């Protein structure tokens, strides 16, 4: 599906596939805001397919994007207070259309960029943590001015991670209580899954081979 409000700049990325029709449909309101979207990390081969992929399953089948947004030819930046209301409109309208995952903020990907797509419902900032999500993002996603992050939201993310590795989510009860004791292997699997869930795309090519911790956005800046 080709739309005039979207352009792809992910041809050399690991996640180099287009976005799904469902995500494009959910974001079809962007022209109403006078906004265009530039995807630098898009869809990827589904888990288990043997194709090129990295991180969690959020980007599988084109169901999530890491992107910049533009208006009147200018790249928007959530660190600019004048741009934050527009970012909030993007988040709130996308969520009303069924989009469930949003990531942005200092220390997460490139300045001014945002993760947007489907998957377990969550907002996050640096380190994939809900507590690091910037205030404007939490307010837009939860529809409440001054929304305070609830630690249970991070427990819900852990529940999703537990389910994904085939373990009972009740080890991290969403409504509080004492977590069940997990063995060392279970803790390691859970930690790996949570880190992968919000892992920025790894760099490709020579830099990616030489520096295992090099991410695609760092590679772009270099």
N, C-alpha and C. Protein backbone atom coordinates (compact mmCIF):
# COMPACT_ATOMS: atom_id res chain seq x y z
N UNK A 1 0.85 -1.19 0.00
CA UNK A 1 0.00 0.00 0.00
C UNK A 1 0.89 1.25 0.00
N UNK A 2 0.67 2.13 -0.96
CA UNK A 2 1.44 3.36 -1.05
C UNK A 2 0.56 4.53 -0.63
N UNK A 3 1.10 5.37 0.23
CA UNK A 3 0.39 6.55 0.69
C UNK A 3 1.34 7.73 0.61
N UNK A 4 0.80 8.92 0.33
CA UNK A 4 1.67 10.07 0.11
C UNK A 4 2.18 10.71 1.39
N UNK A 5 1.69 10.26 2.56
CA UNK A 5 2.14 10.84 3.81
C UNK A 5 3.24 10.01 4.48
N UNK A 6 3.73 8.98 3.76
CA UNK A 6 4.71 8.06 4.31
C UNK A 6 5.88 7.88 3.36
N UNK A 7 7.09 7.93 3.91
CA UNK A 7 8.25 7.56 3.10
C UNK A 7 9.15 6.65 3.93
N UNK A 8 9.82 5.74 3.21
CA UNK A 8 10.69 4.76 3.84
C UNK A 8 12.15 5.16 3.68
N UNK A 9 12.87 5.14 4.79
CA UNK A 9 14.31 5.36 4.77
C UNK A 9 14.99 4.19 5.50
N UNK A 10 14.42 3.00 5.32
CA UNK A 10 14.93 1.81 6.02
C UNK A 10 15.50 0.77 5.07
N UNK A 11 15.88 1.21 3.86
CA UNK A 11 16.33 0.24 2.86
C UNK A 11 17.58 -0.52 3.30
N UNK A 12 18.47 0.13 4.07
CA UNK A 12 19.68 -0.54 4.50
C UNK A 12 19.60 -1.08 5.91
N UNK A 13 18.42 -1.06 6.50
CA UNK A 13 18.25 -1.50 7.88
C UNK A 13 17.92 -3.00 7.94
N UNK A 14 18.07 -3.58 9.12
CA UNK A 14 17.65 -4.97 9.30
C UNK A 14 16.13 -5.05 9.14
N UNK A 15 15.44 -4.12 9.77
CA UNK A 15 13.97 -4.06 9.64
C UNK A 15 13.64 -3.22 8.41
N UNK A 16 13.85 -3.82 7.25
CA UNK A 16 13.77 -3.09 5.99
C UNK A 16 12.47 -3.32 5.23
N UNK A 17 11.50 -3.93 5.87
CA UNK A 17 10.24 -4.24 5.18
C UNK A 17 9.22 -3.13 5.42
N UNK A 18 8.20 -3.06 4.58
CA UNK A 18 7.16 -2.03 4.74
C UNK A 18 6.26 -2.31 5.94
N UNK A 19 5.45 -1.34 6.26
CA UNK A 19 4.50 -1.47 7.36
C UNK A 19 3.26 -2.23 6.90
N UNK A 20 2.58 -2.84 7.85
CA UNK A 20 1.38 -3.62 7.52
C UNK A 20 0.24 -2.70 7.14
N UNK A 21 -0.70 -3.26 6.39
CA UNK A 21 -1.89 -2.49 6.02
C UNK A 21 -2.67 -2.04 7.24
N UNK A 22 -2.70 -2.89 8.28
CA UNK A 22 -3.43 -2.51 9.49
C UNK A 22 -2.83 -1.31 10.19
N UNK A 23 -1.49 -1.23 10.24
CA UNK A 23 -0.86 -0.09 10.88
C UNK A 23 -1.03 1.16 10.03
N UNK A 24 -0.92 1.02 8.72
CA UNK A 24 -1.15 2.17 7.85
C UNK A 24 -2.57 2.71 8.01
N UNK A 25 -3.51 1.81 8.11
CA UNK A 25 -4.90 2.22 8.30
C UNK A 25 -5.07 2.95 9.63
N UNK A 26 -4.40 2.47 10.68
CA UNK A 26 -4.51 3.09 12.00
C UNK A 26 -3.88 4.47 12.03
N UNK A 27 -2.92 4.71 11.14
CA UNK A 27 -2.21 6.00 11.11
C UNK A 27 -2.69 6.90 9.98
N UNK A 28 -3.77 6.53 9.35
CA UNK A 28 -4.25 7.28 8.18
C UNK A 28 -4.75 8.68 8.52
N UNK A 29 -4.81 9.02 9.81
CA UNK A 29 -5.24 10.36 10.23
C UNK A 29 -4.12 11.39 10.10
N UNK A 30 -2.88 10.95 9.89
CA UNK A 30 -1.75 11.87 9.89
C UNK A 30 -1.93 13.04 8.92
N UNK A 31 -2.44 12.83 7.71
CA UNK A 31 -2.66 13.97 6.82
C UNK A 31 -3.63 15.01 7.39
N UNK A 32 -4.57 14.57 8.23
CA UNK A 32 -5.48 15.52 8.86
C UNK A 32 -4.72 16.51 9.74
N UNK A 33 -3.57 16.07 10.27
CA UNK A 33 -2.74 16.93 11.12
C UNK A 33 -1.68 17.66 10.31
N UNK A 34 -1.65 17.41 9.00
CA UNK A 34 -0.61 18.01 8.16
C UNK A 34 0.75 17.39 8.40
N UNK A 35 0.78 16.11 8.85
CA UNK A 35 2.01 15.45 9.26
C UNK A 35 2.37 14.34 8.28
N UNK A 36 3.66 14.22 7.98
CA UNK A 36 4.17 13.08 7.23
C UNK A 36 5.10 12.27 8.13
N UNK A 37 5.31 11.03 7.76
CA UNK A 37 6.05 10.08 8.59
C UNK A 37 7.19 9.49 7.79
N UNK A 38 8.38 9.44 8.41
CA UNK A 38 9.57 8.86 7.78
C UNK A 38 10.02 7.67 8.61
N UNK A 39 9.96 6.49 8.04
CA UNK A 39 10.29 5.25 8.75
C UNK A 39 11.75 4.90 8.52
N UNK A 40 12.53 4.80 9.62
CA UNK A 40 13.92 4.36 9.48
C UNK A 40 14.10 2.93 9.97
N UNK A 41 13.10 2.35 10.60
CA UNK A 41 13.12 0.95 11.00
C UNK A 41 11.68 0.45 10.93
N UNK A 42 11.42 -0.46 9.99
CA UNK A 42 10.04 -0.86 9.74
C UNK A 42 9.77 -2.31 10.06
N UNK A 43 9.18 -3.01 9.12
CA UNK A 43 8.83 -4.40 9.33
C UNK A 43 10.04 -5.31 9.22
N UNK A 44 9.89 -6.52 9.76
CA UNK A 44 10.96 -7.50 9.70
C UNK A 44 10.37 -8.89 9.54
N UNK A 45 11.24 -9.84 9.20
CA UNK A 45 10.81 -11.22 9.05
C UNK A 45 10.27 -11.74 10.38
N UNK A 46 9.19 -12.52 10.35
CA UNK A 46 8.61 -13.02 11.60
C UNK A 46 9.54 -13.98 12.31
N UNK A 47 9.40 -14.06 13.61
CA UNK A 47 10.22 -14.94 14.44
C UNK A 47 10.06 -16.38 13.99
N UNK A 48 11.17 -17.08 13.86
CA UNK A 48 11.15 -18.47 13.46
C UNK A 48 11.20 -18.69 11.96
N UNK A 49 11.16 -17.60 11.19
CA UNK A 49 11.15 -17.74 9.73
C UNK A 49 12.55 -17.91 9.15
N UNK A 50 13.56 -17.55 9.93
CA UNK A 50 14.92 -17.63 9.42
C UNK A 50 15.35 -16.38 8.68
N UNK A 51 14.44 -15.42 8.52
CA UNK A 51 14.77 -14.18 7.83
C UNK A 51 15.46 -13.18 8.75
N UNK A 52 15.87 -12.08 8.15
CA UNK A 52 16.58 -11.04 8.89
C UNK A 52 15.65 -10.36 9.90
N UNK A 53 16.09 -10.32 11.16
CA UNK A 53 15.27 -9.72 12.20
C UNK A 53 16.14 -9.39 13.41
N UNK A 54 15.61 -8.57 14.32
CA UNK A 54 16.30 -8.26 15.57
C UNK A 54 15.27 -7.84 16.61
N UNK A 55 15.60 -8.03 17.88
CA UNK A 55 14.72 -7.57 18.95
C UNK A 55 13.46 -8.41 19.09
N UNK A 56 12.40 -7.77 19.55
CA UNK A 56 11.15 -8.47 19.87
C UNK A 56 10.30 -8.70 18.63
N UNK A 57 9.12 -9.22 18.85
CA UNK A 57 8.21 -9.50 17.73
C UNK A 57 7.35 -8.29 17.35
N UNK A 58 7.49 -7.15 18.02
CA UNK A 58 6.64 -6.00 17.71
C UNK A 58 6.72 -5.60 16.25
N UNK A 59 7.91 -5.67 15.66
CA UNK A 59 8.09 -5.24 14.27
C UNK A 59 7.75 -6.34 13.26
N UNK A 60 7.47 -7.55 13.73
CA UNK A 60 7.15 -8.64 12.81
C UNK A 60 5.94 -8.27 11.96
N UNK A 61 5.98 -8.68 10.69
CA UNK A 61 4.87 -8.46 9.76
C UNK A 61 4.56 -6.97 9.55
N UNK A 62 5.51 -6.10 9.87
CA UNK A 62 5.29 -4.66 9.65
C UNK A 62 4.34 -4.02 10.64
N UNK A 63 4.23 -4.60 11.84
CA UNK A 63 3.24 -4.11 12.80
C UNK A 63 3.77 -3.02 13.74
N UNK A 64 4.97 -2.51 13.47
CA UNK A 64 5.50 -1.39 14.26
C UNK A 64 6.53 -0.66 13.42
N UNK A 65 6.77 0.59 13.78
CA UNK A 65 7.75 1.41 13.08
C UNK A 65 8.50 2.27 14.08
N UNK A 66 9.76 2.53 13.77
CA UNK A 66 10.53 3.58 14.43
C UNK A 66 10.63 4.70 13.40
N UNK A 67 10.21 5.89 13.78
CA UNK A 67 9.98 6.89 12.75
C UNK A 67 10.22 8.32 13.25
N UNK A 68 10.43 9.21 12.28
CA UNK A 68 10.40 10.65 12.49
C UNK A 68 9.10 11.18 11.90
N UNK A 69 8.68 12.33 12.39
CA UNK A 69 7.49 12.98 11.87
C UNK A 69 7.84 14.40 11.42
N UNK A 70 7.19 14.84 10.34
CA UNK A 70 7.48 16.14 9.75
C UNK A 70 6.18 16.93 9.56
N UNK A 71 6.31 18.24 9.66
CA UNK A 71 5.20 19.13 9.31
C UNK A 71 5.77 20.36 8.62
N UNK A 72 5.17 20.69 7.47
CA UNK A 72 5.64 21.83 6.66
C UNK A 72 7.13 21.70 6.36
N UNK A 73 7.57 20.48 6.13
CA UNK A 73 8.96 20.24 5.77
C UNK A 73 9.94 20.26 6.93
N UNK A 74 9.47 20.45 8.14
CA UNK A 74 10.34 20.51 9.31
C UNK A 74 10.19 19.26 10.16
N UNK A 75 11.33 18.68 10.56
CA UNK A 75 11.29 17.50 11.41
C UNK A 75 10.83 17.91 12.81
N UNK A 76 9.82 17.22 13.30
CA UNK A 76 9.29 17.51 14.64
C UNK A 76 10.20 16.89 15.70
N UNK A 77 10.23 17.53 16.86
CA UNK A 77 11.10 17.07 17.94
C UNK A 77 10.34 17.19 19.25
N UNK A 78 10.15 16.05 19.94
CA UNK A 78 9.39 16.09 21.19
C UNK A 78 10.09 16.87 22.30
N UNK A 79 11.39 17.19 22.13
CA UNK A 79 12.07 18.02 23.13
C UNK A 79 11.71 19.50 22.98
N UNK A 80 11.07 19.84 21.87
CA UNK A 80 10.59 21.21 21.63
C UNK A 80 9.19 21.32 22.20
N UNK A 81 8.98 22.14 23.23
CA UNK A 81 7.64 22.25 23.84
C UNK A 81 6.56 22.62 22.84
N UNK A 82 6.92 23.34 21.78
CA UNK A 82 5.92 23.73 20.77
C UNK A 82 5.46 22.54 19.95
N UNK A 83 6.29 21.50 19.88
CA UNK A 83 5.94 20.32 19.09
C UNK A 83 5.22 19.25 19.92
N UNK A 84 5.34 19.31 21.23
CA UNK A 84 4.76 18.26 22.06
C UNK A 84 3.26 18.09 21.89
N UNK A 85 2.47 19.17 21.78
CA UNK A 85 1.03 18.96 21.57
C UNK A 85 0.71 18.16 20.31
N UNK A 86 1.52 18.33 19.27
CA UNK A 86 1.29 17.58 18.04
C UNK A 86 1.66 16.11 18.23
N UNK A 87 2.75 15.85 18.93
CA UNK A 87 3.09 14.46 19.26
C UNK A 87 1.98 13.82 20.08
N UNK A 88 1.41 14.58 21.00
CA UNK A 88 0.34 14.03 21.83
C UNK A 88 -0.89 13.70 20.98
N UNK A 89 -1.18 14.54 19.99
CA UNK A 89 -2.30 14.23 19.10
C UNK A 89 -2.04 12.95 18.32
N UNK A 90 -0.80 12.79 17.86
CA UNK A 90 -0.45 11.58 17.11
C UNK A 90 -0.68 10.35 17.99
N UNK A 91 -0.20 10.42 19.23
CA UNK A 91 -0.32 9.26 20.12
C UNK A 91 -1.78 8.99 20.47
N UNK A 92 -2.52 10.02 20.85
CA UNK A 92 -3.91 9.81 21.29
C UNK A 92 -4.79 9.32 20.15
N UNK A 93 -4.60 9.87 18.95
CA UNK A 93 -5.43 9.43 17.83
C UNK A 93 -5.03 8.03 17.36
N UNK A 94 -3.73 7.74 17.41
CA UNK A 94 -3.30 6.38 17.06
C UNK A 94 -3.85 5.37 18.04
N UNK A 95 -3.81 5.70 19.32
CA UNK A 95 -4.33 4.77 20.31
C UNK A 95 -5.82 4.56 20.12
N UNK A 96 -6.56 5.61 19.78
CA UNK A 96 -8.00 5.47 19.53
C UNK A 96 -8.26 4.54 18.35
N UNK A 97 -7.27 4.41 17.46
CA UNK A 97 -7.40 3.53 16.29
C UNK A 97 -6.81 2.15 16.53
N UNK A 98 -6.44 1.86 17.78
CA UNK A 98 -5.99 0.51 18.10
C UNK A 98 -4.50 0.32 18.25
N UNK A 99 -3.70 1.38 18.08
CA UNK A 99 -2.26 1.28 18.27
C UNK A 99 -1.99 1.17 19.77
N UNK A 100 -1.06 0.31 20.15
CA UNK A 100 -0.91 -0.03 21.57
C UNK A 100 0.48 0.21 22.15
N UNK A 101 1.50 0.39 21.32
CA UNK A 101 2.86 0.53 21.82
C UNK A 101 3.51 1.82 21.37
N UNK A 102 4.05 2.58 22.32
CA UNK A 102 4.69 3.86 22.01
C UNK A 102 5.96 3.99 22.84
N UNK A 103 7.07 4.35 22.20
CA UNK A 103 8.31 4.56 22.91
C UNK A 103 8.99 5.83 22.41
N UNK A 104 9.45 6.66 23.34
CA UNK A 104 10.12 7.91 22.97
C UNK A 104 10.80 8.47 24.22
N UNK A 105 11.61 9.49 24.02
CA UNK A 105 12.20 10.19 25.15
C UNK A 105 13.71 10.17 25.14
N UNK A 106 14.28 10.98 26.02
CA UNK A 106 15.73 11.07 26.13
C UNK A 106 16.33 9.70 26.42
N UNK A 107 17.37 9.36 25.67
CA UNK A 107 18.05 8.09 25.90
C UNK A 107 17.43 6.91 25.19
N UNK A 108 16.34 7.15 24.43
CA UNK A 108 15.72 6.05 23.69
C UNK A 108 15.74 6.38 22.20
N UNK A 109 16.46 5.61 21.42
CA UNK A 109 16.62 5.81 19.98
C UNK A 109 17.18 7.21 19.69
N UNK A 110 16.78 7.76 18.54
CA UNK A 110 17.31 9.04 18.11
C UNK A 110 16.43 10.19 18.62
N UNK A 111 17.03 11.35 18.91
CA UNK A 111 16.24 12.49 19.38
C UNK A 111 15.10 12.81 18.40
N UNK A 112 13.91 12.98 18.93
CA UNK A 112 12.75 13.32 18.11
C UNK A 112 12.06 12.14 17.47
N UNK A 113 12.62 10.93 17.61
CA UNK A 113 12.01 9.76 16.97
C UNK A 113 11.05 9.09 17.94
N UNK A 114 10.21 8.22 17.39
CA UNK A 114 9.23 7.52 18.22
C UNK A 114 8.97 6.13 17.67
N UNK A 115 8.85 5.16 18.57
CA UNK A 115 8.34 3.84 18.21
C UNK A 115 6.82 3.91 18.28
N UNK A 116 6.18 3.34 17.26
CA UNK A 116 4.72 3.36 17.23
C UNK A 116 4.23 2.09 16.54
N UNK A 117 3.32 1.38 17.20
CA UNK A 117 2.83 0.16 16.57
C UNK A 117 1.97 -0.68 17.50
N UNK A 118 1.76 -1.94 17.10
CA UNK A 118 0.93 -2.86 17.84
C UNK A 118 1.79 -3.66 18.84
N UNK A 119 1.18 -4.67 19.45
CA UNK A 119 1.86 -5.46 20.46
C UNK A 119 1.26 -5.20 21.83
N UNK A 120 1.87 -5.78 22.88
CA UNK A 120 1.35 -5.56 24.24
C UNK A 120 1.24 -4.07 24.54
N UNK A 121 0.17 -3.66 25.21
CA UNK A 121 -0.06 -2.24 25.47
C UNK A 121 0.98 -1.72 26.46
N UNK A 122 1.70 -0.68 26.06
CA UNK A 122 2.74 -0.11 26.93
C UNK A 122 3.25 1.19 26.33
N UNK A 123 3.76 2.04 27.21
CA UNK A 123 4.55 3.21 26.80
C UNK A 123 5.86 3.13 27.56
N UNK A 124 6.94 3.61 26.95
CA UNK A 124 8.23 3.48 27.59
C UNK A 124 9.20 4.55 27.08
N UNK A 125 10.29 4.69 27.83
CA UNK A 125 11.37 5.58 27.45
C UNK A 125 12.68 4.81 27.48
N UNK A 126 13.73 5.46 27.98
CA UNK A 126 15.05 4.85 28.01
C UNK A 126 15.02 3.52 28.74
N UNK A 127 15.72 2.53 28.18
CA UNK A 127 15.80 1.22 28.78
C UNK A 127 14.53 0.40 28.66
N UNK A 128 13.55 0.88 27.87
CA UNK A 128 12.29 0.16 27.75
C UNK A 128 11.44 0.22 28.99
N UNK A 129 11.68 1.20 29.87
CA UNK A 129 10.96 1.28 31.13
C UNK A 129 9.84 2.31 31.08
N UNK A 130 8.66 1.91 31.58
CA UNK A 130 7.54 2.83 31.64
C UNK A 130 7.83 4.02 32.53
N UNK A 131 8.63 3.82 33.58
CA UNK A 131 8.96 4.93 34.47
C UNK A 131 9.79 5.98 33.78
N UNK A 132 10.44 5.63 32.66
CA UNK A 132 11.25 6.59 31.91
C UNK A 132 10.49 7.24 30.77
N UNK A 133 9.24 6.87 30.57
CA UNK A 133 8.44 7.51 29.52
C UNK A 133 8.23 8.98 29.87
N UNK A 134 8.43 9.89 28.92
CA UNK A 134 8.25 11.31 29.23
C UNK A 134 6.81 11.62 29.56
N UNK A 135 6.60 12.70 30.33
CA UNK A 135 5.26 13.06 30.77
C UNK A 135 4.28 13.27 29.64
N UNK A 136 4.71 13.93 28.57
CA UNK A 136 3.79 14.19 27.46
C UNK A 136 3.29 12.89 26.85
N UNK A 137 4.15 11.85 26.82
CA UNK A 137 3.76 10.57 26.24
C UNK A 137 2.79 9.84 27.16
N UNK A 138 3.07 9.83 28.45
CA UNK A 138 2.16 9.17 29.39
C UNK A 138 0.78 9.83 29.37
N UNK A 139 0.76 11.15 29.35
CA UNK A 139 -0.51 11.86 29.33
C UNK A 139 -1.31 11.53 28.08
N UNK A 140 -0.64 11.53 26.93
CA UNK A 140 -1.34 11.27 25.67
C UNK A 140 -1.86 9.85 25.60
N UNK A 141 -1.05 8.90 26.06
CA UNK A 141 -1.43 7.50 25.96
C UNK A 141 -2.53 7.13 26.95
N UNK A 142 -2.51 7.75 28.13
CA UNK A 142 -3.49 7.41 29.16
C UNK A 142 -4.67 8.37 29.20
N UNK A 143 -4.60 9.46 28.43
CA UNK A 143 -5.71 10.39 28.38
C UNK A 143 -5.93 11.15 29.67
N UNK A 144 -4.89 11.28 30.47
CA UNK A 144 -5.00 11.95 31.76
C UNK A 144 -3.87 12.94 31.93
N UNK A 145 -4.17 14.23 32.02
CA UNK A 145 -3.11 15.21 32.30
C UNK A 145 -2.40 14.88 33.61
N UNK A 146 -1.09 14.92 33.60
CA UNK A 146 -0.33 14.66 34.81
C UNK A 146 -0.34 13.21 35.24
N UNK A 147 -0.63 12.30 34.29
CA UNK A 147 -0.69 10.87 34.65
C UNK A 147 0.63 10.43 35.28
N UNK A 148 0.54 9.71 36.39
CA UNK A 148 1.71 9.17 37.07
C UNK A 148 1.84 7.70 36.72
N UNK A 149 3.04 7.30 36.33
CA UNK A 149 3.26 5.91 35.96
C UNK A 149 2.97 4.99 37.14
N UNK A 150 2.23 3.96 36.86
CA UNK A 150 1.89 2.95 37.87
C UNK A 150 2.85 1.77 37.72
N UNK A 151 3.55 1.38 38.78
CA UNK A 151 4.47 0.24 38.67
C UNK A 151 3.80 -1.01 38.14
N UNK A 152 2.47 -1.14 38.31
CA UNK A 152 1.78 -2.32 37.78
C UNK A 152 1.87 -2.39 36.26
N UNK A 153 2.10 -1.21 35.60
CA UNK A 153 2.25 -1.25 34.16
C UNK A 153 3.51 -2.01 33.78
N UNK A 154 4.59 -1.82 34.56
CA UNK A 154 5.80 -2.59 34.29
C UNK A 154 5.58 -4.07 34.62
N UNK A 155 4.75 -4.35 35.64
CA UNK A 155 4.43 -5.74 35.95
C UNK A 155 3.67 -6.38 34.79
N UNK A 156 2.79 -5.58 34.15
CA UNK A 156 2.05 -6.11 33.01
C UNK A 156 2.99 -6.46 31.88
N UNK A 157 4.02 -5.61 31.66
CA UNK A 157 5.02 -5.91 30.64
C UNK A 157 5.74 -7.21 30.98
N UNK A 158 6.08 -7.38 32.28
CA UNK A 158 6.74 -8.61 32.70
C UNK A 158 5.83 -9.81 32.50
N UNK A 159 4.52 -9.63 32.74
CA UNK A 159 3.57 -10.73 32.51
C UNK A 159 3.59 -11.15 31.05
N UNK A 160 3.60 -10.16 30.14
CA UNK A 160 3.65 -10.47 28.72
C UNK A 160 4.93 -11.22 28.38
N UNK A 161 6.03 -10.79 29.00
CA UNK A 161 7.30 -11.46 28.76
C UNK A 161 7.27 -12.90 29.25
N UNK A 162 6.69 -13.11 30.44
CA UNK A 162 6.59 -14.46 30.97
C UNK A 162 5.77 -15.35 30.05
N UNK A 163 4.65 -14.81 29.58
CA UNK A 163 3.80 -15.60 28.69
C UNK A 163 4.54 -15.95 27.41
N UNK A 164 5.36 -15.01 26.93
CA UNK A 164 6.07 -15.23 25.67
C UNK A 164 7.12 -16.32 25.78
N UNK A 165 7.66 -16.54 26.98
CA UNK A 165 8.64 -17.62 27.14
C UNK A 165 8.01 -18.88 27.72
N UNK A 166 6.67 -18.90 27.71
CA UNK A 166 5.96 -20.11 28.09
C UNK A 166 5.81 -20.32 29.58
N UNK A 167 5.91 -19.25 30.36
CA UNK A 167 5.77 -19.37 31.81
C UNK A 167 4.47 -18.71 32.27
N UNK A 168 4.02 -19.09 33.44
CA UNK A 168 2.77 -18.55 33.98
C UNK A 168 2.94 -17.10 34.38
N UNK A 169 2.16 -16.18 33.81
CA UNK A 169 2.31 -14.76 34.13
C UNK A 169 2.11 -14.44 35.60
N UNK A 170 1.44 -15.29 36.37
CA UNK A 170 1.15 -14.97 37.76
C UNK A 170 2.40 -14.81 38.61
N UNK A 171 3.57 -15.14 38.06
CA UNK A 171 4.81 -14.91 38.80
C UNK A 171 5.02 -13.42 39.04
N UNK A 172 4.38 -12.59 38.21
CA UNK A 172 4.41 -11.14 38.38
C UNK A 172 2.99 -10.63 38.36
N UNK A 173 2.26 -10.71 39.45
CA UNK A 173 0.84 -10.35 39.45
C UNK A 173 0.64 -8.88 39.13
N UNK A 174 -0.25 -8.59 38.17
CA UNK A 174 -0.50 -7.21 37.75
C UNK A 174 -1.16 -6.41 38.85
N UNK A 175 -1.83 -7.04 39.77
CA UNK A 175 -2.55 -6.31 40.81
C UNK A 175 -1.78 -6.23 42.11
N UNK A 176 -0.49 -6.57 42.08
CA UNK A 176 0.32 -6.48 43.28
C UNK A 176 0.50 -7.84 43.92
N UNK A 177 1.03 -7.85 45.14
CA UNK A 177 1.28 -9.12 45.81
C UNK A 177 2.73 -9.51 45.71
N UNK A 178 3.07 -10.63 46.28
CA UNK A 178 4.45 -11.09 46.30
C UNK A 178 4.72 -11.98 45.11
N UNK A 179 5.71 -11.63 44.26
CA UNK A 179 6.01 -12.46 43.10
C UNK A 179 6.46 -13.85 43.54
N UNK A 180 6.09 -14.83 42.74
CA UNK A 180 6.57 -16.18 43.00
C UNK A 180 8.08 -16.24 42.75
N UNK A 181 8.72 -17.19 43.38
CA UNK A 181 10.17 -17.34 43.21
C UNK A 181 10.44 -18.06 41.90
N UNK A 182 11.35 -17.47 41.09
CA UNK A 182 11.71 -18.09 39.83
C UNK A 182 13.12 -18.66 39.95
N UNK A 183 13.37 -19.72 39.20
CA UNK A 183 14.72 -20.26 39.15
C UNK A 183 15.63 -19.36 38.34
N UNK A 184 16.94 -19.63 38.43
CA UNK A 184 17.90 -18.78 37.73
C UNK A 184 17.67 -18.75 36.23
N UNK A 185 17.37 -19.91 35.63
CA UNK A 185 17.16 -19.96 34.18
C UNK A 185 15.94 -19.15 33.79
N UNK A 186 14.87 -19.24 34.60
CA UNK A 186 13.66 -18.48 34.30
C UNK A 186 13.94 -16.97 34.37
N UNK A 187 14.69 -16.56 35.40
CA UNK A 187 15.01 -15.14 35.53
C UNK A 187 15.82 -14.68 34.34
N UNK A 188 16.79 -15.50 33.91
CA UNK A 188 17.62 -15.13 32.77
C UNK A 188 16.79 -15.00 31.51
N UNK A 189 15.88 -15.96 31.28
CA UNK A 189 15.03 -15.90 30.09
C UNK A 189 14.13 -14.67 30.11
N UNK A 190 13.58 -14.38 31.28
CA UNK A 190 12.71 -13.22 31.41
C UNK A 190 13.48 -11.94 31.15
N UNK A 191 14.66 -11.82 31.73
CA UNK A 191 15.47 -10.62 31.54
C UNK A 191 15.81 -10.42 30.07
N UNK A 192 16.18 -11.53 29.41
CA UNK A 192 16.50 -11.41 27.99
C UNK A 192 15.30 -10.97 27.17
N UNK A 193 14.13 -11.52 27.50
CA UNK A 193 12.94 -11.19 26.72
C UNK A 193 12.54 -9.73 26.93
N UNK A 194 12.60 -9.24 28.16
CA UNK A 194 12.24 -7.85 28.41
C UNK A 194 13.20 -6.91 27.69
N UNK A 195 14.49 -7.22 27.71
CA UNK A 195 15.46 -6.38 27.02
C UNK A 195 15.21 -6.40 25.52
N UNK A 196 14.90 -7.59 24.96
CA UNK A 196 14.64 -7.69 23.53
C UNK A 196 13.37 -6.97 23.12
N UNK A 197 12.40 -6.91 24.03
CA UNK A 197 11.11 -6.31 23.70
C UNK A 197 11.28 -4.86 23.27
N UNK A 198 12.29 -4.19 23.81
CA UNK A 198 12.48 -2.76 23.51
C UNK A 198 13.85 -2.49 22.93
N UNK A 199 14.44 -3.49 22.31
CA UNK A 199 15.79 -3.37 21.78
C UNK A 199 15.79 -2.57 20.50
N UNK A 200 16.56 -1.44 20.45
CA UNK A 200 16.70 -0.72 19.18
C UNK A 200 17.38 -1.61 18.16
N UNK A 201 17.16 -1.32 16.91
CA UNK A 201 17.72 -2.15 15.85
C UNK A 201 19.24 -2.10 15.88
N UNK A 202 19.86 -3.27 15.76
CA UNK A 202 21.31 -3.36 15.76
C UNK A 202 21.87 -2.90 14.42
N UNK A 203 23.10 -2.38 14.46
CA UNK A 203 23.76 -1.91 13.24
C UNK A 203 24.12 -3.10 12.36
N UNK A 204 24.18 -2.84 11.06
CA UNK A 204 24.59 -3.86 10.12
C UNK A 204 25.96 -3.52 9.56
N UNK A 205 26.51 -4.36 8.72
CA UNK A 205 27.76 -4.07 8.04
C UNK A 205 28.96 -4.18 8.95
N UNK A 206 30.03 -3.46 8.57
CA UNK A 206 31.31 -3.58 9.27
C UNK A 206 31.20 -3.10 10.71
N UNK A 207 30.52 -1.93 10.93
CA UNK A 207 30.40 -1.41 12.28
C UNK A 207 29.64 -2.38 13.18
N UNK A 208 28.59 -2.99 12.63
CA UNK A 208 27.83 -3.95 13.42
C UNK A 208 28.65 -5.17 13.80
N UNK A 209 29.53 -5.59 12.89
CA UNK A 209 30.36 -6.76 13.17
C UNK A 209 31.45 -6.44 14.18
N UNK A 210 32.02 -5.23 14.09
CA UNK A 210 33.13 -4.85 14.97
C UNK A 210 32.65 -4.49 16.37
N UNK A 211 31.46 -3.90 16.46
CA UNK A 211 30.98 -3.41 17.74
C UNK A 211 29.60 -4.01 18.03
N UNK A 212 29.52 -5.06 18.82
CA UNK A 212 28.23 -5.75 19.08
C UNK A 212 27.17 -4.85 19.68
N UNK A 213 27.56 -3.81 20.42
CA UNK A 213 26.59 -2.92 21.05
C UNK A 213 26.20 -1.75 20.17
N UNK A 214 26.71 -1.71 18.96
CA UNK A 214 26.38 -0.62 18.04
C UNK A 214 24.95 -0.77 17.54
N UNK A 215 24.13 0.28 17.73
CA UNK A 215 22.76 0.27 17.23
C UNK A 215 22.69 1.02 15.92
N UNK A 216 21.58 0.81 15.20
CA UNK A 216 21.43 1.43 13.89
C UNK A 216 21.41 2.95 13.98
N UNK A 217 20.78 3.49 15.02
CA UNK A 217 20.72 4.95 15.11
C UNK A 217 22.10 5.53 15.43
N UNK A 218 22.92 4.83 16.23
CA UNK A 218 24.29 5.29 16.47
C UNK A 218 25.10 5.23 15.19
N UNK A 219 24.89 4.17 14.41
CA UNK A 219 25.58 4.04 13.15
C UNK A 219 25.24 5.19 12.21
N UNK A 220 23.95 5.57 12.19
CA UNK A 220 23.53 6.69 11.34
C UNK A 220 24.21 7.99 11.75
N UNK A 221 24.33 8.20 13.09
CA UNK A 221 24.95 9.43 13.56
C UNK A 221 26.42 9.47 13.21
N UNK A 222 27.11 8.30 13.26
CA UNK A 222 28.52 8.22 12.88
C UNK A 222 28.70 8.49 11.39
